[in-house]
PDB file of N, CA and C in Angstrom:
ATOM      1  N   MET A   1     -15.681 -12.775  -7.361  1.00  0.00           N
ATOM      2  CA  MET A   1     -15.068 -13.036  -6.245  1.00  0.00           C
ATOM      3  C   MET A   1     -13.736 -12.932  -5.800  1.00  0.00           C
ATOM      4  N   ILE A   2     -12.964 -13.271  -6.835  1.00  0.00           N
ATOM      5  CA  ILE A   2     -11.298 -12.968  -6.735  1.00  0.00           C
ATOM      6  C   ILE A   2     -11.135 -11.356  -6.783  1.00  0.00           C
ATOM      7  N   TYR A   3     -11.787 -10.854  -7.739  1.00  0.00           N
ATOM      8  CA  TYR A   3     -11.562  -9.318  -7.789  1.00  0.00           C
ATOM      9  C   TYR A   3     -11.877  -8.615  -6.269  1.00  0.00           C
ATOM     10  N   TRP A   4     -12.969  -9.314  -5.840  1.00  0.00           N
ATOM     11  CA  TRP A   4     -13.387  -8.629  -4.496  1.00  0.00           C
ATOM     12  C   TRP A   4     -12.475  -9.062  -3.669  1.00  0.00           C
ATOM     13  N   VAL A   5     -12.070 -10.118  -3.393  1.00  0.00           N
ATOM     14  CA  VAL A   5     -10.580 -10.296  -2.407  1.00  0.00           C
ATOM     15  C   VAL A   5      -9.382  -9.608  -2.748  1.00  0.00           C
ATOM     16  N   LEU A   6      -9.103  -9.855  -3.825  1.00  0.00           N
ATOM     17  CA  LEU A   6      -7.767  -9.007  -4.073  1.00  0.00           C
ATOM     18  C   LEU A   6      -8.149  -7.288  -4.041  1.00  0.00           C
ATOM     19  N   SER A   7      -9.178  -6.764  -4.136  1.00  0.00           N
ATOM     20  CA  SER A   7      -9.569  -5.352  -4.139  1.00  0.00           C
ATOM     21  C   SER A   7      -9.473  -4.912  -2.493  1.00  0.00           C
ATOM     22  N   HIS A   8      -9.916  -5.842  -1.655  1.00  0.00           N
ATOM     23  CA  HIS A   8      -9.957  -5.665  -0.136  1.00  0.00           C
ATOM     24  C   HIS A   8      -8.602  -6.017   0.369  1.00  0.00           C
ATOM     25  N   LEU A   9      -7.729  -6.763  -0.091  1.00  0.00           N
ATOM     26  CA  LEU A   9      -6.450  -7.025   0.195  1.00  0.00           C
ATOM     27  C   LEU A   9      -5.637  -5.573  -0.017  1.00  0.00           C
ATOM     28  N   ILE A  10      -5.809  -5.174  -1.260  1.00  0.00           N
ATOM     29  CA  ILE A  10      -5.216  -3.949  -1.569  1.00  0.00           C
ATOM     30  C   ILE A  10      -5.446  -2.697  -0.575  1.00  0.00           C
ATOM     31  N   GLU A  11      -6.850  -2.739  -0.221  1.00  0.00           N
ATOM     32  CA  GLU A  11      -7.348  -1.765   0.510  1.00  0.00           C
ATOM     33  C   GLU A  11      -6.688  -1.868   1.836  1.00  0.00           C
ATOM     34  N   LEU A  12      -6.688  -3.128   2.564  1.00  0.00           N
ATOM     35  CA  LEU A  12      -5.985  -3.284   3.536  1.00  0.00           C
ATOM     36  C   LEU A  12      -4.594  -3.029   3.829  1.00  0.00           C
ATOM     37  N   TYR A  13      -3.843  -3.356   2.581  1.00  0.00           N
ATOM     38  CA  TYR A  13      -2.479  -3.007   2.722  1.00  0.00           C
ATOM     39  C   TYR A  13      -2.342  -1.394   2.463  1.00  0.00           C
ATOM     40  N   SER A  14      -3.010  -1.007   1.907  1.00  0.00           N
ATOM     41  CA  SER A  14      -2.992   0.556   1.960  1.00  0.00           C
ATOM     42  C   SER A  14      -3.082   1.079   3.372  1.00  0.00           C
ATOM     43  N   TRP A  15      -4.218   0.679   3.999  1.00  0.00           N
ATOM     44  CA  TRP A  15      -4.189   1.232   5.414  1.00  0.00           C
ATOM     45  C   TRP A  15      -3.116   0.900   6.184  1.00  0.00           C
ATOM     46  N   ALA A  16      -2.535  -0.259   5.974  1.00  0.00           N
ATOM     47  CA  ALA A  16      -1.179  -0.819   6.579  1.00  0.00           C
ATOM     48  C   ALA A  16      -0.088   0.444   6.235  1.00  0.00           C
ATOM     49  N   ILE A  17      -0.121   0.919   5.144  1.00  0.00           N
ATOM     50  CA  ILE A  17       0.999   2.015   4.572  1.00  0.00           C
ATOM     51  C   ILE A  17       0.538   3.227   5.310  1.00  0.00           C
ATOM     52  N   VAL A  18      -0.621   3.617   5.221  1.00  0.00           N
ATOM     53  CA  VAL A  18      -0.815   4.980   6.016  1.00  0.00           C
ATOM     54  C   VAL A  18      -0.762   4.808   7.366  1.00  0.00           C
ATOM     55  N   ILE A  19      -0.885   3.652   8.218  1.00  0.00           N
ATOM     56  CA  ILE A  19      -0.826   3.530   9.890  1.00  0.00           C
ATOM     57  C   ILE A  19       0.643   3.617   9.894  1.00  0.00           C
ATOM     58  N   TYR A  20       1.532   3.120   9.179  1.00  0.00           N
ATOM     59  CA  TYR A  20       3.204   2.995   9.220  1.00  0.00           C
ATOM     60  C   TYR A  20       3.597   4.365   8.852  1.00  0.00           C
ATOM     61  N   ALA A  21       3.040   4.849   8.140  1.00  0.00           N
ATOM     62  CA  ALA A  21       3.778   6.297   8.018  1.00  0.00           C
ATOM     63  C   ALA A  21       3.182   7.115   9.266  1.00  0.00           C
ATOM     64  N   LEU A  22       2.167   7.039   9.663  1.00  0.00           N
ATOM     65  CA  LEU A  22       1.714   8.001  10.897  1.00  0.00           C
ATOM     66  C   LEU A  22       2.427   7.543  12.163  1.00  0.00           C
ATOM     67  N   LEU A  23       2.888   6.452  12.416  1.00  0.00           N
ATOM     68  CA  LEU A  23       3.949   5.963  13.315  1.00  0.00           C
ATOM     69  C   LEU A  23       5.137   6.672  13.572  1.00  0.00           C
ATOM     70  N   SER A  24       5.595   7.558  12.341  1.00  0.00           N
ATOM     71  CA  SER A  24       6.725   8.284  12.465  1.00  0.00           C
ATOM     72  C   SER A  24       6.499   9.228  13.227  1.00  0.00           C
ATOM     73  N   TRP A  25       5.141   9.814  13.594  1.00  0.00           N
ATOM     74  CA  TRP A  25       4.830  11.161  14.464  1.00  0.00           C
ATOM     75  C   TRP A  25       4.835  11.061  15.892  1.00  0.00           C
ATOM     76  N   PHE A  26       5.113   9.646  16.172  1.00  0.00           N
ATOM     77  CA  PHE A  26       5.420   9.181  17.478  1.00  0.00           C
ATOM     78  C   PHE A  26       6.644   8.429  17.879  1.00  0.00           C
ATOM     79  N   PRO A  27       7.608   9.095  18.992  1.00  0.00           N
ATOM     80  CA  PRO A  27       8.804   8.879  19.283  1.00  0.00           C
ATOM     81  C   PRO A  27       8.504   7.273  19.823  1.00  0.00           C
ATOM     82  N   GLY A  28       9.447   6.348  19.278  1.00  0.00           N
ATOM     83  CA  GLY A  28       9.645   5.142  19.584  1.00  0.00           C
ATOM     84  C   GLY A  28       8.620   4.153  19.318  1.00  0.00           C
ATOM     85  N   ALA A  29       7.454   4.756  18.404  1.00  0.00           N
ATOM     86  CA  ALA A  29       6.614   3.951  17.903  1.00  0.00           C
ATOM     87  C   ALA A  29       7.100   2.586  17.098  1.00  0.00           C
ATOM     88  N   TYR A  30       7.927   2.912  16.330  1.00  0.00           N
ATOM     89  CA  TYR A  30       8.484   1.632  15.220  1.00  0.00           C
ATOM     90  C   TYR A  30       9.362   0.960  16.079  1.00  0.00           C
ATOM     91  N   GLN A  31       9.441   0.879  17.400  1.00  0.00           N
ATOM     92  CA  GLN A  31      10.127  -0.108  18.311  1.00  0.00           C
ATOM     93  C   GLN A  31       9.251  -1.160  19.023  1.00  0.00           C
ATOM     94  N   THR A  32       8.111  -0.675  18.959  1.00  0.00           N
ATOM     95  CA  THR A  32       6.857  -1.176  19.640  1.00  0.00           C
ATOM     96  C   THR A  32       6.634  -2.524  18.514  1.00  0.00           C
ATOM     97  N   ALA A  33       5.934  -3.609  19.223  1.00  0.00           N
ATOM     98  CA  ALA A  33       5.835  -5.022  18.878  1.00  0.00           C
ATOM     99  C   ALA A  33       4.666  -4.626  17.355  1.00  0.00           C
ATOM    100  N   PHE A  34       3.971  -3.770  17.415  1.00  0.00           N
ATOM    101  CA  PHE A  34       2.619  -3.496  16.321  1.00  0.00           C
ATOM    102  C   PHE A  34       3.740  -2.727  15.401  1.00  0.00           C
ATOM    103  N   GLY A  35       4.581  -1.825  15.567  1.00  0.00           N
ATOM    104  CA  GLY A  35       5.442  -0.886  14.699  1.00  0.00           C
ATOM    105  C   GLY A  35       6.378  -1.946  13.883  1.00  0.00           C
ATOM    106  N   GLN A  36       6.855  -3.013  14.535  1.00  0.00           N
ATOM    107  CA  GLN A  36       7.858  -3.885  14.028  1.00  0.00           C
ATOM    108  C   GLN A  36       6.970  -4.789  12.961  1.00  0.00           C
ATOM    109  N   PHE A  37       5.860  -5.335  13.532  1.00  0.00           N
ATOM    110  CA  PHE A  37       5.068  -6.068  12.688  1.00  0.00           C
ATOM    111  C   PHE A  37       4.512  -5.177  11.278  1.00  0.00           C
ATOM    112  N   LEU A  38       4.254  -3.961  11.157  1.00  0.00           N
ATOM    113  CA  LEU A  38       3.871  -2.965  10.124  1.00  0.00           C
ATOM    114  C   LEU A  38       5.048  -2.956   9.504  1.00  0.00           C
ATOM    115  N   ALA A  39       6.300  -2.844   9.974  1.00  0.00           N
ATOM    116  CA  ALA A  39       7.696  -2.662   9.206  1.00  0.00           C
ATOM    117  C   ALA A  39       7.982  -3.799   8.504  1.00  0.00           C
ATOM    118  N   ARG A  40       7.721  -5.095   9.028  1.00  0.00           N
ATOM    119  CA  ARG A  40       8.220  -6.227   8.080  1.00  0.00           C
ATOM    120  C   ARG A  40       6.925  -6.607   7.070  1.00  0.00           C
ATOM    121  N   ILE A  41       5.852  -5.944   7.052  1.00  0.00           N
ATOM    122  CA  ILE A  41       4.796  -5.996   6.026  1.00  0.00           C
ATOM    123  C   ILE A  41       4.957  -4.870   4.913  1.00  0.00           C
ATOM    124  N   VAL A  42       5.326  -3.483   5.552  1.00  0.00           N
ATOM    125  CA  VAL A  42       4.960  -2.526   4.577  1.00  0.00           C
ATOM    126  C   VAL A  42       6.575  -2.033   4.001  1.00  0.00           C
ATOM    127  N   GLU A  43       7.534  -2.150   4.613  1.00  0.00           N
ATOM    128  CA  GLU A  43       9.116  -1.805   4.172  1.00  0.00           C
ATOM    129  C   GLU A  43       9.331  -2.581   3.104  1.00  0.00           C
ATOM    130  N   PRO A  44       9.181  -3.878   2.800  1.00  0.00           N
ATOM    131  CA  PRO A  44       9.799  -4.689   1.470  1.00  0.00           C
ATOM    132  C   PRO A  44       9.282  -3.716   0.341  1.00  0.00           C
ATOM    133  N   PHE A  45       7.736  -3.373   0.323  1.00  0.00           N
ATOM    134  CA  PHE A  45       7.315  -2.665  -0.866  1.00  0.00           C
ATOM    135  C   PHE A  45       7.415  -1.413  -0.961  1.00  0.00           C
ATOM    136  N   GLN A  46       7.959  -0.527   0.165  1.00  0.00           N
ATOM    137  CA  GLN A  46       7.883   0.716   0.282  1.00  0.00           C
ATOM    138  C   GLN A  46       9.438   0.997  -0.011  1.00  0.00           C
ATOM    139  N   ARG A  47      10.345   0.215  -0.126  1.00  0.00           N
ATOM    140  CA  ARG A  47      11.739   0.099  -0.412  1.00  0.00           C
ATOM    141  C   ARG A  47      11.718   0.609  -1.892  1.00  0.00           C
ATOM    142  N   TRP A  48      10.803   0.131  -2.703  1.00  0.00           N
ATOM    143  CA  TRP A  48      10.995   0.448  -3.886  1.00  0.00           C
ATOM    144  C   TRP A  48      10.945   1.717  -4.349  1.00  0.00           C
ATOM    145  N   PHE A  49      10.217   2.289  -3.475  1.00  0.00           N
ATOM    146  CA  PHE A  49       9.981   3.706  -3.758  1.00  0.00           C
ATOM    147  C   PHE A  49      10.680   4.962  -3.015  1.00  0.00           C
ATOM    148  N   ASN A  50      12.069   4.327  -2.383  1.00  0.00           N
ATOM    149  CA  ASN A  50      12.763   5.408  -1.766  1.00  0.00           C
ATOM    150  C   ASN A  50      13.411   6.361  -2.203  1.00  0.00           C
ATOM    151  N   PHE A  51      13.219   6.495  -3.583  1.00  0.00           N
ATOM    152  CA  PHE A  51      14.168   7.720  -4.324  1.00  0.00           C
ATOM    153  C   PHE A  51      13.287   8.447  -4.259  1.00  0.00           C
ATOM    154  N   ALA A  52      11.698   8.588  -3.612  1.00  0.00           N
ATOM    155  CA  ALA A  52      11.165   9.910  -3.746  1.00  0.00           C
ATOM    156  C   ALA A  52      11.442  10.454  -2.442  1.00  0.00           C
ATOM    157  N   HIS A  53      12.304  11.467  -2.663  1.00  0.00           N
ATOM    158  CA  HIS A  53      12.294  12.195  -1.372  1.00  0.00           C
ATOM    159  C   HIS A  53      12.813  13.658  -1.694  1.00  0.00           C
ATOM    160  N   ILE A  54      12.708  14.428  -0.849  1.00  0.00           N
ATOM    161  CA  ILE A  54      13.039  15.892  -1.219  1.00  0.00           C
ATOM    162  C   ILE A  54      13.708  16.352   0.412  1.00  0.00           C
ATOM    163  N   GLY A  55      14.938  16.323   0.205  1.00  0.00           N
ATOM    164  CA  GLY A  55      15.358  16.590   1.558  1.00  0.00           C
ATOM    165  C   GLY A  55      15.336  15.621   2.561  1.00  0.00           C
ATOM    166  N   MET A  56      14.871  15.777   3.834  1.00  0.00           N
ATOM    167  CA  MET A  56      14.612  14.455   4.813  1.00  0.00           C
ATOM    168  C   MET A  56      13.293  14.130   4.817  1.00  0.00           C
ATOM    169  N   ILE A  57      12.152  14.891   3.808  1.00  0.00           N
ATOM    170  CA  ILE A  57      11.127  14.306   3.620  1.00  0.00           C
ATOM    171  C   ILE A  57      10.880  13.471   2.626  1.00  0.00           C
ATOM    172  N   GLY A  58      10.290  12.157   2.864  1.00  0.00           N
ATOM    173  CA  GLY A  58      10.409  10.937   2.286  1.00  0.00           C
ATOM    174  C   GLY A  58       9.164  11.055   1.637  1.00  0.00           C
ATOM    175  N   PHE A  59       8.803  10.694   0.410  1.00  0.00           N
ATOM    176  CA  PHE A  59       7.450  10.461  -0.546  1.00  0.00           C
ATOM    177  C   PHE A  59       7.077   8.985  -0.803  1.00  0.00           C
ATOM    178  N   ALA A  60       7.993   8.194  -0.281  1.00  0.00           N
ATOM    179  CA  ALA A  60       7.826   6.807  -0.494  1.00  0.00           C
ATOM    180  C   ALA A  60       6.124   6.271  -0.230  1.00  0.00           C
ATOM    181  N   PRO A  61       5.811   6.671   0.955  1.00  0.00           N
ATOM    182  CA  PRO A  61       4.253   6.069   1.216  1.00  0.00           C
ATOM    183  C   PRO A  61       3.272   6.341   0.193  1.00  0.00           C
ATOM    184  N   ILE A  62       3.428   7.843   0.001  1.00  0.00           N
ATOM    185  CA  ILE A  62       2.563   8.360  -1.120  1.00  0.00           C
ATOM    186  C   ILE A  62       2.410   7.647  -2.636  1.00  0.00           C
ATOM    187  N   VAL A  63       3.927   7.551  -3.190  1.00  0.00           N
ATOM    188  CA  VAL A  63       4.113   6.778  -4.610  1.00  0.00           C
ATOM    189  C   VAL A  63       3.673   5.563  -4.146  1.00  0.00           C
ATOM    190  N   ALA A  64       3.855   4.746  -3.182  1.00  0.00           N
ATOM    191  CA  ALA A  64       3.484   3.313  -3.007  1.00  0.00           C
ATOM    192  C   ALA A  64       1.771   3.174  -2.869  1.00  0.00           C
ATOM    193  N   LEU A  65       1.348   4.132  -2.280  1.00  0.00           N
ATOM    194  CA  LEU A  65      -0.247   4.235  -2.164  1.00  0.00           C
ATOM    195  C   LEU A  65      -0.728   4.562  -3.737  1.00  0.00           C
ATOM    196  N   ILE A  66      -0.224   5.397  -4.536  1.00  0.00           N
ATOM    197  CA  ILE A  66      -0.668   5.723  -5.879  1.00  0.00           C
ATOM    198  C   ILE A  66      -0.377   4.475  -6.820  1.00  0.00           C
ATOM    199  N   VAL A  67       0.624   3.697  -6.351  1.00  0.00           N
ATOM    200  CA  VAL A  67       0.942   2.598  -7.204  1.00  0.00           C
ATOM    201  C   VAL A  67      -0.038   1.373  -6.961  1.00  0.00           C
ATOM    202  N   LEU A  68      -0.521   1.018  -5.706  1.00  0.00           N
ATOM    203  CA  LEU A  68      -1.605   0.271  -5.173  1.00  0.00           C
ATOM    204  C   LEU A  68      -2.779   0.962  -5.861  1.00  0.00           C
ATOM    205  N   GLN A  69      -3.284   1.824  -6.032  1.00  0.00           N
ATOM    206  CA  GLN A  69      -4.554   2.650  -6.532  1.00  0.00           C
ATOM    207  C   GLN A  69      -4.258   2.164  -8.150  1.00  0.00           C
ATOM    208  N   VAL A  70      -3.454   2.421  -8.533  1.00  0.00           N
ATOM    209  CA  VAL A  70      -3.373   2.014 -10.287  1.00  0.00           C
ATOM    210  C   VAL A  70      -3.568   0.457 -10.437  1.00  0.00           C
ATOM    211  N   VAL A  71      -3.088  -0.094  -9.336  1.00  0.00           N
ATOM    212  CA  VAL A  71      -3.153  -1.620  -9.742  1.00  0.00           C
ATOM    213  C   VAL A  71      -4.317  -2.067  -9.499  1.00  0.00           C
ATOM    214  N   ASN A  72      -5.273  -1.373  -8.391  1.00  0.00           N
ATOM    215  CA  ASN A  72      -6.619  -1.676  -8.126  1.00  0.00           C
ATOM    216  C   ASN A  72      -7.500  -1.143  -9.115  1.00  0.00           C
ATOM    217  N   TYR A  73      -7.128  -0.134 -10.134  1.00  0.00           N
ATOM    218  CA  TYR A  73      -7.885   0.313 -11.204  1.00  0.00           C
ATOM    219  C   TYR A  73      -7.692  -0.667 -12.428  1.00  0.00           C
ATOM    220  N   GLY A  74      -6.750  -1.310 -12.517  1.00  0.00           N
ATOM    221  CA  GLY A  74      -6.562  -2.280 -13.516  1.00  0.00           C
ATOM    222  C   GLY A  74      -6.853  -3.453 -13.002  1.00  0.00           C
ATOM    223  N   LEU A  75      -7.005  -4.037 -11.858  1.00  0.00           N
ATOM    224  CA  LEU A  75      -7.924  -5.154 -11.521  1.00  0.00           C
ATOM    225  C   LEU A  75      -9.459  -5.046 -11.807  1.00  0.00           C
ATOM    226  N   GLN A  76      -9.728  -3.877 -11.530  1.00  0.00           N
ATOM    227  CA  GLN A  76     -11.300  -3.406 -11.568  1.00  0.00           C
ATOM    228  C   GLN A  76     -11.816  -3.543 -13.273  1.00  0.00           C
ATOM    229  N   TYR A  77     -10.542  -2.922 -14.084  1.00  0.00           N
ATOM    230  CA  TYR A  77     -10.714  -2.746 -15.515  1.00  0.00           C
ATOM    231  C   TYR A  77     -10.724  -4.568 -16.029  1.00  0.00           C
ATOM    232  N   VAL A  78      -9.756  -5.235 -15.714  1.00  0.00           N
ATOM    233  CA  VAL A  78      -9.990  -6.747 -15.883  1.00  0.00           C
ATOM    234  C   VAL A  78     -11.197  -7.315 -15.662  1.00  0.00           C
ATOM    235  N   ALA A  79     -11.456  -7.266 -14.514  1.00  0.00           N
ATOM    236  CA  ALA A  79     -12.736  -7.790 -13.987  1.00  0.00           C
ATOM    237  C   ALA A  79     -13.921  -7.309 -14.824  1.00  0.00           C
ATOM    238  N   GLN A  80     -13.972  -6.071 -15.085  1.00  0.00           N
ATOM    239  CA  GLN A  80     -15.255  -5.537 -16.016  1.00  0.00           C
ATOM    240  C   GLN A  80     -15.052  -6.207 -17.503  1.00  0.00           C
ATOM    241  N   LEU A  81     -13.887  -6.297 -18.015  1.00  0.00           N
ATOM    242  CA  LEU A  81     -13.396  -6.866 -19.215  1.00  0.00           C
ATOM    243  C   LEU A  81     -14.008  -8.619 -19.056  1.00  0.00           C
ATOM    244  N   LEU A  82     -13.659  -9.170 -18.277  1.00  0.00           N
ATOM    245  CA  LEU A  82     -13.916 -10.583 -18.240  1.00  0.00           C
ATOM    246  C   LEU A  82     -15.744 -10.651 -17.949  1.00  0.00           C
ATOM    247  N   LEU A  83     -16.051  -9.819 -17.149  1.00  0.00           N
ATOM    248  CA  LEU A  83     -17.616 -10.074 -17.104  1.00  0.00           C
ATOM    249  C   LEU A  83     -18.327  -9.698 -18.244  1.00  0.00           C
ATOM    250  N   GLN A  84     -17.882  -8.739 -19.141  1.00  0.00           N
ATOM    251  CA  GLN A  84     -18.280  -8.863 -20.447  1.00  0.00           C
ATOM    252  C   GLN A  84     -18.283  -9.896 -21.538  1.00  0.00           C
ATOM    253  N   PHE A  85     -17.042 -10.422 -21.386  1.00  0.00           N
ATOM    254  CA  PHE A  85     -16.643 -11.676 -22.377  1.00  0.00           C
ATOM    255  C   PHE A  85     -17.586 -12.792 -21.588  1.00  0.00           C
ATOM    256  N   VAL A  86     -18.044 -12.950 -20.481  1.00  0.00           N
ATOM    257  CA  VAL A  86     -18.718 -14.057 -19.992  1.00  0.00           C
ATOM    258  C   VAL A  86     -20.087 -13.770 -20.119  1.00  0.00           C
ATOM    259  N   SER A  87     -20.527 -12.629 -20.322  1.00  0.00           N
ATOM    260  CA  SER A  87     -22.083 -12.403 -20.826  1.00  0.00           C
ATOM    261  C   SER A  87     -22.447 -12.261 -21.914  1.00  0.00           C
TER     262      SER A  87
END
């Protein structure tokens, strides 16, 4: 149950990162209420990966998504271990 909730929260947060990255394609999208809401949610985590850029192209969203997937796989592994230990 806990794994299911955490896994879905990670998936939802991953979608928030993708949508936030896509907002850069639309002028003024970051200044909307939705853009500011996503910025408050996504920017603190994504800031850890601001080192990932080449010229003016930033790869922070991609690195953040990869890290979230690794965390999700780790949670899945731990959940499988716990299920084997319980049964």
